[in-house]
Amino acid sequence: MMRGLWVAIGFLTRIPVPASAFAAPDGQARSLPWYPLVGVGLGVLLSLLAACLPASMPQLAASLVLLAWVGLTGGLHLDGLADSADAWIGGLGDRARTLAIMKDPRSGPAGVVALVLVLLLKFAALSSLLALPSGSVCFAVGSLGLLLAPWLARAALAAALLAVPYVRDGGIGQALPRASRPACHLALSLTVLACLLPALGLPGVPVAWLMPTLVALLAAAAITGLWLRACLARIGGITGDTCGALAEMVEAGVLVAVALALA
């Protein structure tokens, strides 16, 4: 099982992992249940970076966090977002044309606009969260939002690959739907439970976390459901590019939702 974790880290991030982890033919399938945990790791690293940056300069801090975010992931999902945007507009409702455009490595105007808008939303939301007074309850919740965004985005990927057919023959994620369903369900259940912990009134879990975590969970679920519905209607399932688009939209949506919840 640990090999699956190494594969998940190596695939979803630019953090070096042993090359031998990718030798097993079922490595990709084993990696899917670990996706949410990789999201947690990304969130922790980004939160630690944000805590080290000057609170008096929230826009600069937001820029550096966003730069690190893109660097840690290698822009993997941004590429999928751009390809999906080009395909959705240029495909004109046709399945074959949509799939063909997504496979084209070139980015068109729609893809560029999608990238700018999503990065702008992330920057604005991060600026709002990092501008909160250091040491306050709201600041702690804002840091929680930075943890939840990559976490829920990778959980959304696991849910999507379990629930919807993968339609790209020979695609990079073709083996992922063959992952152990019990393991994936456990990972997703733990993710939802973690978001609901503030509602349980457990000692040491601030009640102030309740609304932002619920809003983040609902935003991630809504974006995932709407996007998967659109993918089923247009191409009959998902591809690696549409999964990348989903991850970026969930990350941006969660950050914006938490920022608005704290307004």
Protein backbone atom coordinates (compact mmCIF):
# COMPACT_ATOMS: atom_id res chain seq x y z
CA MET A 1 0.00 0.00 0.00
CA MET A 2 2.88 2.41 0.73
CA ARG A 3 3.93 2.08 -2.90
CA GLY A 4 0.58 3.58 -3.82
CA LEU A 5 1.34 6.58 -1.62
CA TRP A 6 4.69 7.12 -3.33
CA VAL A 7 3.01 6.94 -6.73
CA ALA A 8 0.35 9.42 -5.63
CA ILE A 9 3.00 11.86 -4.38
CA GLY A 10 5.09 11.45 -7.53
CA PHE A 11 2.11 11.89 -9.84
CA LEU A 12 0.30 14.76 -8.09
CA THR A 13 3.36 16.76 -7.01
CA ARG A 14 6.92 17.52 -8.01
CA ILE A 15 8.27 16.13 -4.74
CA PRO A 16 10.95 13.50 -5.58
CA VAL A 17 10.01 9.88 -4.87
CA PRO A 18 11.85 6.60 -5.53
CA ALA A 19 11.66 5.69 -9.23
CA SER A 20 11.01 2.08 -8.24
CA ALA A 21 7.57 3.10 -6.98
CA PHE A 22 6.37 3.38 -10.58
CA ALA A 23 7.64 -0.06 -11.59
CA ALA A 24 4.56 -2.00 -10.45
CA PRO A 25 1.88 -2.24 -13.15
CA ASP A 26 -0.87 -1.60 -10.59
CA GLY A 27 0.89 1.39 -9.04
CA GLN A 28 -1.51 3.96 -10.46
CA ALA A 29 -4.58 2.05 -9.28
CA ARG A 30 -3.10 1.68 -5.80
CA SER A 31 -2.39 5.41 -5.63
CA LEU A 32 -5.99 6.64 -5.86
CA PRO A 33 -6.98 6.05 -2.20
CA TRP A 34 -3.99 8.16 -1.18
CA TYR A 35 -5.04 11.23 -3.18
CA PRO A 36 -6.78 12.96 -0.24
CA LEU A 37 -3.73 12.41 1.99
CA VAL A 38 -1.47 13.98 -0.64
CA GLY A 39 -3.86 16.94 -0.63
CA VAL A 40 -3.46 17.17 3.15
CA GLY A 41 0.32 17.21 2.72
CA LEU A 42 0.13 20.00 0.18
CA GLY A 43 -2.18 21.97 2.44
CA VAL A 44 0.15 21.59 5.41
CA LEU A 45 3.17 22.74 3.42
CA LEU A 46 1.31 25.76 2.06
CA SER A 47 -0.08 26.65 5.50
CA LEU A 48 3.40 26.50 7.02
CA LEU A 49 4.71 28.77 4.28
CA ALA A 50 1.84 31.22 4.81
CA ALA A 51 2.56 31.30 8.56
CA CYS A 52 6.18 32.26 7.86
CA LEU A 53 5.27 35.21 5.63
CA PRO A 54 4.60 38.76 6.93
CA ALA A 55 0.92 39.27 7.77
CA SER A 56 1.35 42.97 7.04
CA MET A 57 1.81 42.19 3.33
CA PRO A 58 -1.10 39.83 2.50
CA GLN A 59 -0.96 40.37 -1.26
CA LEU A 60 2.74 39.57 -1.48
CA ALA A 61 2.20 36.59 0.83
CA ALA A 62 -0.69 35.38 -1.35
CA SER A 63 1.49 35.67 -4.45
CA LEU A 64 4.28 33.62 -2.88
CA VAL A 65 1.89 30.96 -1.58
CA LEU A 66 0.28 30.70 -5.01
CA LEU A 67 3.70 30.47 -6.65
CA ALA A 68 4.67 27.66 -4.29
CA TRP A 69 1.33 25.96 -4.93
CA VAL A 70 1.91 25.90 -8.68
CA GLY A 71 5.52 24.85 -8.19
CA LEU A 72 4.66 21.95 -5.88
CA THR A 73 2.11 20.56 -8.32
CA GLY A 74 4.04 21.42 -11.47
CA GLY A 75 0.93 23.10 -12.90
CA LEU A 76 -0.45 19.61 -13.60
CA HIS A 77 -4.09 20.51 -13.08
CA LEU A 78 -3.78 23.97 -14.62
CA ASP A 79 -2.90 22.27 -17.90
CA GLY A 80 -6.07 20.18 -17.66
CA LEU A 81 -8.14 23.28 -16.91
CA ALA A 82 -6.82 25.09 -19.99
CA ASP A 83 -7.36 22.08 -22.26
CA SER A 84 -10.88 21.54 -20.93
CA ALA A 85 -11.84 25.19 -21.41
CA ASP A 86 -10.60 25.17 -25.01
CA ALA A 87 -12.40 21.88 -25.70
CA TRP A 88 -15.70 22.91 -24.12
CA ILE A 89 -15.93 26.08 -26.19
CA GLY A 90 -14.27 24.84 -29.39
CA GLY A 91 -16.00 21.44 -29.28
CA LEU A 92 -19.37 23.05 -30.09
CA GLY A 93 -21.21 20.30 -28.24
CA ASP A 94 -19.66 17.48 -30.28
CA ARG A 95 -18.08 14.63 -28.31
CA ALA A 96 -15.39 13.64 -30.82
CA ARG A 97 -14.36 17.23 -31.47
CA THR A 98 -14.22 17.98 -27.72
CA LEU A 99 -11.95 14.99 -27.07
CA ALA A 100 -9.73 15.91 -30.03
CA ILE A 101 -9.24 19.49 -28.84
CA MET A 102 -8.38 18.32 -25.32
CA LYS A 103 -5.62 16.17 -26.78
CA ASP A 104 -4.10 19.15 -28.62
CA PRO A 105 -1.13 20.44 -26.57
CA ARG A 106 -1.66 24.01 -27.75
CA SER A 107 -3.67 26.46 -25.61
CA GLY A 108 -6.29 28.71 -27.17
CA PRO A 109 -7.87 31.95 -25.91
CA ALA A 110 -10.47 30.12 -23.80
CA GLY A 111 -7.77 28.16 -22.01
CA VAL A 112 -5.74 31.28 -21.26
CA VAL A 113 -8.80 33.11 -19.93
CA ALA A 114 -9.72 30.14 -17.72
CA LEU A 115 -6.20 30.05 -16.25
CA VAL A 116 -6.19 33.78 -15.55
CA LEU A 117 -9.62 33.72 -13.92
CA VAL A 118 -8.91 30.73 -11.67
CA LEU A 119 -5.50 32.05 -10.58
CA LEU A 120 -7.05 35.48 -9.97
CA LEU A 121 -9.77 33.94 -7.80
CA LYS A 122 -7.19 31.98 -5.82
CA PHE A 123 -5.02 35.06 -5.36
CA ALA A 124 -7.93 37.23 -4.23
CA ALA A 125 -9.21 34.60 -1.79
CA LEU A 126 -5.72 33.95 -0.40
CA SER A 127 -5.16 37.69 0.03
CA SER A 128 -8.38 37.92 2.05
CA LEU A 129 -7.51 34.94 4.22
CA LEU A 130 -3.92 36.02 4.86
CA ALA A 131 -5.05 39.56 5.73
CA LEU A 132 -6.88 38.29 8.83
CA PRO A 133 -5.30 39.34 12.16
CA SER A 134 -2.58 36.90 13.18
CA GLY A 135 -3.45 34.87 16.24
CA SER A 136 -7.20 35.40 15.91
CA VAL A 137 -9.77 32.63 15.56
CA CYS A 138 -10.54 33.85 12.05
CA PHE A 139 -6.86 33.60 11.13
CA ALA A 140 -6.84 29.98 12.30
CA VAL A 141 -9.92 29.28 10.21
CA GLY A 142 -8.30 30.98 7.24
CA SER A 143 -5.31 28.68 7.59
CA LEU A 144 -7.76 25.79 7.77
CA GLY A 145 -9.19 26.97 4.43
CA LEU A 146 -5.74 26.78 2.88
CA LEU A 147 -5.47 23.22 4.18
CA LEU A 148 -8.94 22.21 2.95
CA ALA A 149 -8.59 23.49 -0.62
CA PRO A 150 -5.97 21.00 -1.91
CA TRP A 151 -7.35 18.28 0.38
CA LEU A 152 -10.93 18.46 -0.91
CA ALA A 153 -9.73 18.88 -4.50
CA ARG A 154 -7.82 15.58 -4.40
CA ALA A 155 -10.73 13.89 -2.64
CA ALA A 156 -12.94 15.14 -5.48
CA LEU A 157 -10.61 13.48 -7.97
CA ALA A 158 -10.90 10.17 -6.14
CA ALA A 159 -14.69 10.46 -6.03
CA ALA A 160 -14.89 11.37 -9.72
CA LEU A 161 -12.73 8.47 -10.85
CA LEU A 162 -14.88 6.07 -8.84
CA ALA A 163 -18.24 7.43 -9.95
CA VAL A 164 -17.82 8.29 -13.63
CA PRO A 165 -16.38 6.29 -16.57
CA TYR A 166 -12.90 7.16 -17.82
CA VAL A 167 -13.32 7.65 -21.56
CA ARG A 168 -9.81 8.33 -22.87
CA ASP A 169 -8.22 5.13 -24.21
CA GLY A 170 -4.56 5.04 -23.29
CA GLY A 171 -4.92 8.11 -21.10
CA ILE A 172 -2.58 8.72 -18.18
CA GLY A 173 -5.33 7.99 -15.68
CA GLN A 174 -6.82 4.96 -17.39
CA ALA A 175 -5.73 2.60 -14.61
CA LEU A 176 -7.06 4.77 -11.77
CA PRO A 177 -10.70 3.58 -11.88
CA ARG A 178 -9.43 0.05 -11.10
CA ALA A 179 -8.45 1.18 -7.59
CA SER A 180 -9.75 -0.62 -4.52
CA ARG A 181 -13.21 0.78 -3.90
CA PRO A 182 -13.25 0.00 -0.15
CA ALA A 183 -9.95 1.84 0.30
CA CYS A 184 -11.19 4.84 -1.69
CA HIS A 185 -14.49 4.90 0.19
CA LEU A 186 -12.59 4.86 3.48
CA ALA A 187 -10.38 7.77 2.39
CA LEU A 188 -13.41 9.78 1.27
CA SER A 189 -15.34 8.97 4.43
CA LEU A 190 -12.44 10.13 6.60
CA THR A 191 -12.28 13.36 4.59
CA VAL A 192 -15.98 14.08 5.13
CA LEU A 193 -15.73 13.14 8.81
CA ALA A 194 -12.81 15.52 9.30
CA CYS A 195 -14.90 18.36 7.84
CA LEU A 196 -17.76 17.50 10.18
CA LEU A 197 -15.65 17.29 13.36
CA PRO A 198 -16.52 20.85 14.48
CA ALA A 199 -20.20 19.88 14.42
CA LEU A 200 -19.58 17.04 16.89
CA GLY A 201 -18.49 19.35 19.69
CA LEU A 202 -15.28 17.45 20.37
CA PRO A 203 -12.81 18.89 22.90
CA GLY A 204 -10.11 20.95 21.23
CA VAL A 205 -12.08 21.50 18.01
CA PRO A 206 -13.26 25.14 17.89
CA VAL A 207 -16.94 25.67 17.09
CA ALA A 208 -15.83 28.63 14.96
CA TRP A 209 -14.54 26.11 12.41
CA LEU A 210 -18.05 24.72 11.82
CA MET A 211 -19.43 27.15 9.24
CA PRO A 212 -16.24 27.47 7.11
CA THR A 213 -15.66 23.71 6.99
CA LEU A 214 -19.29 22.99 6.09
CA VAL A 215 -19.23 25.70 3.43
CA ALA A 216 -15.99 24.30 2.03
CA LEU A 217 -17.40 20.77 1.92
CA LEU A 218 -20.63 21.91 0.26
CA ALA A 219 -18.73 24.01 -2.29
CA ALA A 220 -16.49 21.06 -3.20
CA ALA A 221 -19.48 18.71 -3.50
CA ALA A 222 -21.49 21.16 -5.62
CA ILE A 223 -18.63 21.91 -8.02
CA THR A 224 -17.83 18.21 -8.35
CA GLY A 225 -21.43 17.24 -9.01
CA LEU A 226 -22.04 19.97 -11.57
CA TRP A 227 -18.80 19.33 -13.44
CA LEU A 228 -19.28 15.56 -13.57
CA ARG A 229 -22.80 16.10 -14.86
CA ALA A 230 -21.45 18.37 -17.60
CA CYS A 231 -18.75 15.82 -18.49
CA LEU A 232 -21.28 13.00 -18.73
CA ALA A 233 -23.51 15.09 -20.96
CA ARG A 234 -20.71 16.19 -23.29
CA ILE A 235 -18.28 13.24 -23.54
CA GLY A 236 -19.92 10.45 -21.56
CA GLY A 237 -17.37 10.46 -18.74
CA ILE A 238 -14.10 12.04 -17.69
CA THR A 239 -10.53 12.31 -18.91
CA GLY A 240 -7.28 13.37 -17.27
CA ASP A 241 -7.85 16.92 -18.48
CA THR A 242 -11.35 17.17 -17.05
CA CYS A 243 -10.02 15.79 -13.77
CA GLY A 244 -7.38 18.54 -13.76
CA ALA A 245 -10.08 21.12 -14.40
CA LEU A 246 -12.11 19.67 -11.52
CA ALA A 247 -9.17 19.94 -9.11
CA GLU A 248 -8.54 23.58 -10.01
CA MET A 249 -12.21 24.55 -9.78
CA VAL A 250 -12.62 22.86 -6.39
CA GLU A 251 -9.48 24.52 -5.02
CA ALA A 252 -10.64 27.96 -6.14
CA GLY A 253 -14.21 27.32 -5.01
CA VAL A 254 -13.18 26.20 -1.52
CA LEU A 255 -10.87 29.18 -1.02
CA VAL A 256 -13.56 31.62 -2.13
CA ALA A 257 -16.23 29.89 -0.03
CA VAL A 258 -14.12 30.01 3.15
CA ALA A 259 -13.15 33.64 2.51
CA LEU A 260 -16.81 34.61 2.07
CA ALA A 261 -17.79 32.64 5.17
CA LEU A 262 -15.36 34.72 7.20
CA ALA A 263 -16.42 38.06 5.69
